[in-house]
Structures are given as C-alpha cells and as structure tokens.
Amino acid sequence: MKCYFKDPHHISLIKDGEQQQTTRKASSIKTGDALECAPWEGDELIGTAVVTSVIKLRGGLVIERQRDTTQDSWAIREGFSSFAEADKFFSEIYGLEWQGLELDVIYFEGDWLDEDPGTVRCCNMITDYTINFILIGLILIIICLIFGRGI
C-alpha cells in the first residue's frame, strides 16, 4: 500500500528515522503490513516500511491503548513542534472537524534505516555535539597526562 507524505520537513524526518509514525483517517492498515513510503509529488520512493503498530485515535486521545499520553507528545512524534502546529496542519487537510474523525496512528519501521547492522544512528544533533565535546575532553586529558602536567 502506498503512503504519501506531503510536507518536505516530515519527509526529511522520515528519511533520517526521526519520525516513525503517521496519522491518517481510519483505514484497513494493520500491524505487519508493508507501506511504500513516497513524497506526495515526484516519482521518488523513500522505501518500504513495515507497520509495527496501529492505534485508534480521536481528537488526540488514544482509544485502544495508552501509548500517547498527551496531545503534544503525539504531535512531536508526528513531526510537529506542538499540538497547535499539528492542529493547523490537520485542519488544512481534513477540515476544522478533524479532531472528531476516527484516525489511525500508524507506527512503522523503514527499510531505508537498515544500512549496516553495525551502524549506530544518532537522530539528535544535540547528542552529536555532546559526543564530540566528550571526545575532545578525553583527548585533552590524555594529552595532559602524557606531557605530565596533570589536570
């Protein structure tokens, strides 16, 4: 089944593995289904994803299972900065009454993330910088110890 993504920001997050869920009108999609993920425009295919879970949602509140605890946490995992931003986006697509619709929150894992089993993916720029600062600090400590100046 094809799964199209319209917003370039979301496409980037999906490609990087930072967004692994999408919310759509209730459908027949179920756990284990394969989704061909693609941008709304163009012939490019992001890749194939396997659906890992589907949760029924009405107005930001989980019906079946408590996975999303707040509207903001759902919106952030959906690729938005807040529920207000998600509300604006979904209102443009489904109309102002979108919160009254039954929706599916579809969690997926994309095959484009399976580069190499030994590859460690880091999805957070802050984490990248933190690791770099720690490594630089360790190198400086080693240099100080080697040249006998202590710390």
C-alpha atoms as a PDB file:
ATOM      1  CA  MET A   1       0.000   0.000   0.000  1.00  0.00           C
ATOM      2  CA  LYS A   2       1.308   3.479  -0.882  1.00  0.00           C
ATOM      3  CA  CYS A   3       1.735   6.004   1.906  1.00  0.00           C
ATOM      4  CA  TYR A   4       2.361   9.548   0.670  1.00  0.00           C
ATOM      5  CA  PHE A   5       3.931  12.363   2.675  1.00  0.00           C
ATOM      6  CA  LYS A   6       3.270  15.971   1.655  1.00  0.00           C
ATOM      7  CA  ASP A   7       5.427  18.129   3.913  1.00  0.00           C
ATOM      8  CA  PRO A   8       9.161  18.321   2.976  1.00  0.00           C
ATOM      9  CA  HIS A   9      10.094  18.697   6.675  1.00  0.00           C
ATOM     10  CA  HIS A  10       8.315  15.438   7.516  1.00  0.00           C
ATOM     11  CA  ILE A  11       9.910  13.668   4.536  1.00  0.00           C
ATOM     12  CA  SER A  12      13.329  14.685   5.864  1.00  0.00           C
ATOM     13  CA  LEU A  13      12.475  13.439   9.375  1.00  0.00           C
ATOM     14  CA  ILE A  14      11.223  10.139   7.967  1.00  0.00           C
ATOM     15  CA  LYS A  15      14.328   9.620   5.838  1.00  0.00           C
ATOM     16  CA  ASP A  16      16.518  10.286   8.900  1.00  0.00           C
ATOM     17  CA  GLY A  17      14.492   7.893  11.067  1.00  0.00           C
ATOM     18  CA  GLU A  18      13.404  10.669  13.448  1.00  0.00           C
ATOM     19  CA  GLN A  19       9.722  10.273  12.553  1.00  0.00           C
ATOM     20  CA  GLN A  20       8.373   6.737  12.577  1.00  0.00           C
ATOM     21  CA  GLN A  21       4.659   7.357  12.806  1.00  0.00           C
ATOM     22  CA  THR A  22       1.954   8.914  10.658  1.00  0.00           C
ATOM     23  CA  THR A  23      -1.649   9.698  11.456  1.00  0.00           C
ATOM     24  CA  ARG A  24      -4.276   9.062   8.793  1.00  0.00           C
ATOM     25  CA  LYS A  25      -8.044   8.664   8.519  1.00  0.00           C
ATOM     26  CA  ALA A  26      -9.111   5.272   9.839  1.00  0.00           C
ATOM     27  CA  SER A  27      -8.206   2.582   7.324  1.00  0.00           C
ATOM     28  CA  SER A  28      -7.656  -1.138   6.943  1.00  0.00           C
ATOM     29  CA  ILE A  29      -3.898  -0.842   7.633  1.00  0.00           C
ATOM     30  CA  LYS A  30      -2.786  -3.344  10.269  1.00  0.00           C
ATOM     31  CA  THR A  31       0.375  -4.435  12.064  1.00  0.00           C
ATOM     32  CA  GLY A  32       2.718  -6.291   9.698  1.00  0.00           C
ATOM     33  CA  ASP A  33       1.516  -4.535   6.523  1.00  0.00           C
ATOM     34  CA  ALA A  34       4.102  -3.118   4.126  1.00  0.00           C
ATOM     35  CA  LEU A  35       3.904   0.582   3.236  1.00  0.00           C
ATOM     36  CA  GLU A  36       5.629   2.061   0.203  1.00  0.00           C
ATOM     37  CA  CYS A  37       6.575   5.486   1.556  1.00  0.00           C
ATOM     38  CA  ALA A  38       6.897   8.262  -1.003  1.00  0.00           C
ATOM     39  CA  PRO A  39       6.701  12.054  -1.272  1.00  0.00           C
ATOM     40  CA  TRP A  40       3.333  13.390  -2.454  1.00  0.00           C
ATOM     41  CA  GLU A  41       4.974  14.810  -5.595  1.00  0.00           C
ATOM     42  CA  GLY A  42       7.560  13.147  -7.815  1.00  0.00           C
ATOM     43  CA  ASP A  43       8.488   9.558  -8.555  1.00  0.00           C
ATOM     44  CA  GLU A  44      10.989   9.113  -5.717  1.00  0.00           C
ATOM     45  CA  LEU A  45      10.358   6.256  -3.305  1.00  0.00           C
ATOM     46  CA  ILE A  46      11.666   6.746   0.225  1.00  0.00           C
ATOM     47  CA  GLY A  47      11.474   2.998   0.800  1.00  0.00           C
ATOM     48  CA  THR A  48       9.289   0.263   2.203  1.00  0.00           C
ATOM     49  CA  ALA A  49       8.228   0.318   5.831  1.00  0.00           C
ATOM     50  CA  VAL A  50       6.683  -2.384   7.980  1.00  0.00           C
ATOM     51  CA  VAL A  51       3.777  -1.323  10.187  1.00  0.00           C
ATOM     52  CA  THR A  52       4.739  -2.124  13.788  1.00  0.00           C
ATOM     53  CA  SER A  53       1.533  -0.912  15.449  1.00  0.00           C
ATOM     54  CA  VAL A  54      -1.761   0.838  14.683  1.00  0.00           C
ATOM     55  CA  ILE A  55      -3.632   2.762  17.363  1.00  0.00           C
ATOM     56  CA  LYS A  56      -7.100   4.297  17.033  1.00  0.00           C
ATOM     57  CA  LEU A  57      -7.170   7.987  17.894  1.00  0.00           C
ATOM     58  CA  ARG A  58      -9.965  10.509  18.354  1.00  0.00           C
ATOM     59  CA  GLY A  59      -9.033  14.139  18.922  1.00  0.00           C
ATOM     60  CA  GLY A  60      -5.558  13.392  20.272  1.00  0.00           C
ATOM     61  CA  LEU A  61      -6.831  10.876  22.844  1.00  0.00           C
ATOM     62  CA  VAL A  62      -5.873   7.228  22.486  1.00  0.00           C
ATOM     63  CA  ILE A  63      -8.867   4.886  22.368  1.00  0.00           C
ATOM     64  CA  GLU A  64      -7.309   1.420  22.390  1.00  0.00           C
ATOM     65  CA  ARG A  65      -4.019   1.665  24.257  1.00  0.00           C
ATOM     66  CA  GLN A  66      -2.159   4.310  26.245  1.00  0.00           C
ATOM     67  CA  ARG A  67       0.878   4.916  24.039  1.00  0.00           C
ATOM     68  CA  ASP A  68       0.489   8.646  23.506  1.00  0.00           C
ATOM     69  CA  THR A  69      -0.012  10.303  26.869  1.00  0.00           C
ATOM     70  CA  THR A  70      -0.599  13.880  25.714  1.00  0.00           C
ATOM     71  CA  GLN A  71      -1.571  15.710  22.563  1.00  0.00           C
ATOM     72  CA  ASP A  72       1.845  17.393  22.454  1.00  0.00           C
ATOM     73  CA  SER A  73       3.785  14.107  22.723  1.00  0.00           C
ATOM     74  CA  TRP A  74       1.699  12.690  19.862  1.00  0.00           C
ATOM     75  CA  ALA A  75       2.288  15.840  17.776  1.00  0.00           C
ATOM     76  CA  ILE A  76       6.054  15.809  18.384  1.00  0.00           C
ATOM     77  CA  ARG A  77       6.329  12.151  17.303  1.00  0.00           C
ATOM     78  CA  GLU A  78       4.246  13.142  14.279  1.00  0.00           C
ATOM     79  CA  GLY A  79       6.983  15.630  13.294  1.00  0.00           C
ATOM     80  CA  PHE A  80       5.438  18.856  14.615  1.00  0.00           C
ATOM     81  CA  SER A  81       6.795  21.160  17.310  1.00  0.00           C
ATOM     82  CA  SER A  82       3.488  21.237  19.231  1.00  0.00           C
ATOM     83  CA  PHE A  83      -0.142  20.167  19.144  1.00  0.00           C
ATOM     84  CA  ALA A  84      -1.097  23.674  17.920  1.00  0.00           C
ATOM     85  CA  GLU A  85       1.112  23.204  14.838  1.00  0.00           C
ATOM     86  CA  ALA A  86      -0.336  19.726  14.204  1.00  0.00           C
ATOM     87  CA  ASP A  87      -3.864  21.070  14.664  1.00  0.00           C
ATOM     88  CA  LYS A  88      -3.256  23.695  11.968  1.00  0.00           C
ATOM     89  CA  PHE A  89      -1.815  21.080   9.563  1.00  0.00           C
ATOM     90  CA  PHE A  90      -4.626  18.548  10.080  1.00  0.00           C
ATOM     91  CA  SER A  91      -7.289  21.296   9.873  1.00  0.00           C
ATOM     92  CA  GLU A  92      -5.954  22.225   6.427  1.00  0.00           C
ATOM     93  CA  ILE A  93      -6.099  18.599   5.254  1.00  0.00           C
ATOM     94  CA  TYR A  94      -9.271  17.268   6.921  1.00  0.00           C
ATOM     95  CA  GLY A  95     -11.108  20.462   7.871  1.00  0.00           C
ATOM     96  CA  LEU A  96     -11.693  22.052  11.252  1.00  0.00           C
ATOM     97  CA  GLU A  97     -13.631  18.999  12.447  1.00  0.00           C
ATOM     98  CA  TRP A  98     -10.622  16.658  12.067  1.00  0.00           C
ATOM     99  CA  GLN A  99     -10.480  16.019  15.816  1.00  0.00           C
ATOM    100  CA  GLY A 100     -13.911  14.404  15.601  1.00  0.00           C
ATOM    101  CA  LEU A 101     -12.760  11.936  12.948  1.00  0.00           C
ATOM    102  CA  GLU A 102     -11.562   8.473  13.804  1.00  0.00           C
ATOM    103  CA  LEU A 103      -7.882   8.368  12.919  1.00  0.00           C
ATOM    104  CA  ASP A 104      -5.177   5.716  12.863  1.00  0.00           C
ATOM    105  CA  VAL A 105      -1.771   6.441  14.355  1.00  0.00           C
ATOM    106  CA  ILE A 106       0.439   4.170  12.275  1.00  0.00           C
ATOM    107  CA  TYR A 107       3.859   3.301  13.705  1.00  0.00           C
ATOM    108  CA  PHE A 108       6.345   1.968  11.183  1.00  0.00           C
ATOM    109  CA  GLU A 109       9.960   0.950  10.690  1.00  0.00           C
ATOM    110  CA  GLY A 110      11.535   1.779   7.331  1.00  0.00           C
ATOM    111  CA  ASP A 111      13.897  -0.479   5.409  1.00  0.00           C
ATOM    112  CA  TRP A 112      15.962   2.583   4.432  1.00  0.00           C
ATOM    113  CA  LEU A 113      17.221   2.651   8.035  1.00  0.00           C
ATOM    114  CA  ASP A 114      18.828  -0.822   7.708  1.00  0.00           C
ATOM    115  CA  GLU A 115      22.127   0.429   6.295  1.00  0.00           C
ATOM    116  CA  ASP A 116      24.537  -1.769   8.214  1.00  0.00           C
ATOM    117  CA  PRO A 117      23.890  -3.759  11.387  1.00  0.00           C
ATOM    118  CA  GLY A 118      26.966  -2.164  12.969  1.00  0.00           C
ATOM    119  CA  THR A 119      25.898   1.407  12.199  1.00  0.00           C
ATOM    120  CA  VAL A 120      24.792   3.471  15.155  1.00  0.00           C
ATOM    121  CA  ARG A 121      22.194   6.019  14.092  1.00  0.00           C
ATOM    122  CA  CYS A 122      22.116   9.261  16.007  1.00  0.00           C
ATOM    123  CA  CYS A 123      18.929  11.188  15.380  1.00  0.00           C
ATOM    124  CA  ASN A 124      19.608  14.116  17.633  1.00  0.00           C
ATOM    125  CA  MET A 125      22.038  16.894  16.736  1.00  0.00           C
ATOM    126  CA  ILE A 126      22.479  17.773  20.423  1.00  0.00           C
ATOM    127  CA  THR A 127      23.652  14.223  21.090  1.00  0.00           C
ATOM    128  CA  ASP A 128      26.179  14.522  18.235  1.00  0.00           C
ATOM    129  CA  TYR A 129      27.628  17.689  19.757  1.00  0.00           C
ATOM    130  CA  THR A 130      27.695  16.177  23.245  1.00  0.00           C
ATOM    131  CA  ILE A 131      29.645  13.156  21.991  1.00  0.00           C
ATOM    132  CA  ASN A 132      32.108  15.460  20.204  1.00  0.00           C
ATOM    133  CA  PHE A 133      32.686  17.553  23.355  1.00  0.00           C
ATOM    134  CA  ILE A 134      33.244  14.422  25.453  1.00  0.00           C
ATOM    135  CA  LEU A 135      35.764  13.084  22.929  1.00  0.00           C
ATOM    136  CA  ILE A 136      37.614  16.403  22.801  1.00  0.00           C
ATOM    137  CA  GLY A 137      37.697  16.492  26.618  1.00  0.00           C
ATOM    138  CA  LEU A 138      39.104  12.959  26.790  1.00  0.00           C
ATOM    139  CA  ILE A 139      41.759  13.783  24.207  1.00  0.00           C
ATOM    140  CA  LEU A 140      42.811  16.862  26.197  1.00  0.00           C
ATOM    141  CA  ILE A 141      43.022  14.801  29.411  1.00  0.00           C
ATOM    142  CA  ILE A 142      45.191  12.201  27.664  1.00  0.00           C
ATOM    143  CA  ILE A 143      47.486  14.895  26.265  1.00  0.00           C
ATOM    144  CA  CYS A 144      47.840  16.453  29.724  1.00  0.00           C
ATOM    145  CA  LEU A 145      48.653  13.076  31.270  1.00  0.00           C
ATOM    146  CA  ILE A 146      51.182  12.233  28.548  1.00  0.00           C
ATOM    147  CA  PHE A 147      53.057  15.504  28.974  1.00  0.00           C
ATOM    148  CA  GLY A 148      52.956  15.271  32.787  1.00  0.00           C
ATOM    149  CA  ARG A 149      51.089  18.444  33.522  1.00  0.00           C
ATOM    150  CA  GLY A 150      48.199  16.725  35.299  1.00  0.00           C
ATOM    151  CA  ILE A 151      44.720  18.061  35.370  1.00  0.00           C
END
